[in-house]
Amino acid sequence: MGVKQMSYFNHLYKASPDELPHRARAVYMYLKDRTGKGADCWPAVNTIAADMNLSRSTVKRALHDLVQAELITKEPRYRENGSNTSNRLVLKK
């Protein structure tokens, strides 16, 4: 028999809701869709919230969950004047 191909999201499917809440799974899939060929993207929290019809707080909690689960890293980004802009999000899996 041939080798069974694993789904890209297999690690999400296997995680228990205590390890990775549903909000985090959905946001991770959104981020994966936005990465294109690379592993990084930089959508603003407001953009994610609007695109997914979620509150800003839910998106922030989901991103925190994903960082804690070591599925993404967040790198702060700044404008030339020193003010914050959207974070660079790098998917690890």
Protein backbone atom coordinates (compact mmCIF):
# COMPACT_ATOMS: atom_id res chain seq x y z
CA MET A 1 0.00 0.00 0.00
CA GLY A 2 1.08 3.58 -0.60
CA VAL A 3 2.03 6.04 2.09
CA LYS A 4 -0.98 7.84 3.50
CA GLN A 5 -0.61 11.57 2.87
CA MET A 6 -1.01 13.68 5.99
CA SER A 7 -3.08 16.82 5.89
CA TYR A 8 -1.23 20.10 6.33
CA PHE A 9 -3.57 20.87 9.22
CA ASN A 10 -3.16 17.47 10.91
CA HIS A 11 -1.52 19.09 13.95
CA LEU A 12 -4.62 21.29 14.35
CA TYR A 13 -7.02 18.39 14.07
CA LYS A 14 -5.18 16.35 16.70
CA ALA A 15 -4.94 19.12 19.31
CA SER A 16 -7.52 19.02 22.08
CA PRO A 17 -9.75 22.09 22.62
CA ASP A 18 -7.84 22.72 25.86
CA GLU A 19 -4.57 22.87 23.94
CA LEU A 20 -5.90 24.85 20.99
CA PRO A 21 -9.34 26.51 21.13
CA HIS A 22 -11.48 26.65 18.00
CA ARG A 23 -10.86 30.39 17.60
CA ALA A 24 -7.13 29.71 17.31
CA ARG A 25 -7.65 26.95 14.73
CA ALA A 26 -9.76 29.26 12.56
CA VAL A 27 -7.29 32.15 12.80
CA TYR A 28 -4.37 29.84 12.03
CA MET A 29 -6.11 28.67 8.83
CA TYR A 30 -6.79 32.31 7.93
CA LEU A 31 -3.11 33.15 8.43
CA LYS A 32 -2.00 30.13 6.38
CA ASP A 33 -4.23 31.34 3.57
CA ARG A 34 -2.54 34.77 3.73
CA THR A 35 1.08 33.55 3.74
CA GLY A 36 1.24 32.70 0.05
CA LYS A 37 4.45 30.83 -0.76
CA GLY A 38 6.33 31.92 2.35
CA ALA A 39 5.72 31.40 6.06
CA ASP A 40 5.02 34.98 7.05
CA CYS A 41 2.23 37.52 6.75
CA TRP A 42 1.31 40.74 8.50
CA PRO A 43 -2.45 41.31 8.63
CA ALA A 44 -3.63 43.79 11.26
CA VAL A 45 -5.86 42.54 14.06
CA ASN A 46 -8.64 44.77 12.70
CA THR A 47 -8.28 43.17 9.26
CA ILE A 48 -8.44 39.63 10.64
CA ALA A 49 -11.44 40.55 12.80
CA ALA A 50 -13.31 42.15 9.89
CA ASP A 51 -12.51 39.35 7.42
CA MET A 52 -13.53 36.61 9.88
CA ASN A 53 -16.42 38.47 11.51
CA LEU A 54 -14.76 38.14 14.93
CA SER A 55 -14.17 40.71 17.66
CA ARG A 56 -10.71 42.23 18.08
CA SER A 57 -10.52 40.60 21.51
CA THR A 58 -11.22 37.15 20.08
CA VAL A 59 -8.52 37.61 17.43
CA LYS A 60 -6.01 38.77 20.07
CA ARG A 61 -6.82 35.75 22.25
CA ALA A 62 -6.47 33.44 19.24
CA LEU A 63 -3.07 34.90 18.36
CA HIS A 64 -1.98 34.49 21.98
CA ASP A 65 -3.16 30.85 21.88
CA LEU A 66 -1.16 30.24 18.70
CA VAL A 67 2.00 31.77 20.17
CA GLN A 68 1.59 29.67 23.34
CA ALA A 69 1.10 26.53 21.22
CA GLU A 70 4.30 27.47 19.33
CA LEU A 71 2.46 27.47 16.00
CA ILE A 72 3.36 31.09 15.20
CA THR A 73 5.78 33.77 16.27
CA LYS A 74 4.88 37.44 16.45
CA GLU A 75 7.46 40.06 15.58
CA PRO A 76 6.55 43.69 16.28
CA ARG A 77 6.97 46.12 13.42
CA TYR A 78 7.29 49.89 13.60
CA ARG A 79 6.86 52.84 11.27
CA GLU A 80 9.69 55.29 10.65
CA ASN A 81 8.20 57.64 13.25
CA GLY A 82 8.36 54.86 15.87
CA SER A 83 4.64 54.10 16.04
CA ASN A 84 3.42 50.51 15.89
CA THR A 85 2.13 48.89 12.72
CA SER A 86 0.83 45.37 12.19
CA ASN A 87 2.97 42.54 13.57
CA ARG A 88 4.82 40.15 11.30
CA LEU A 89 3.34 36.71 11.94
CA VAL A 90 5.45 33.68 11.05
CA LEU A 91 3.83 30.25 10.87
CA LYS A 92 6.07 27.55 12.30
CA LYS A 93 4.11 24.53 11.04
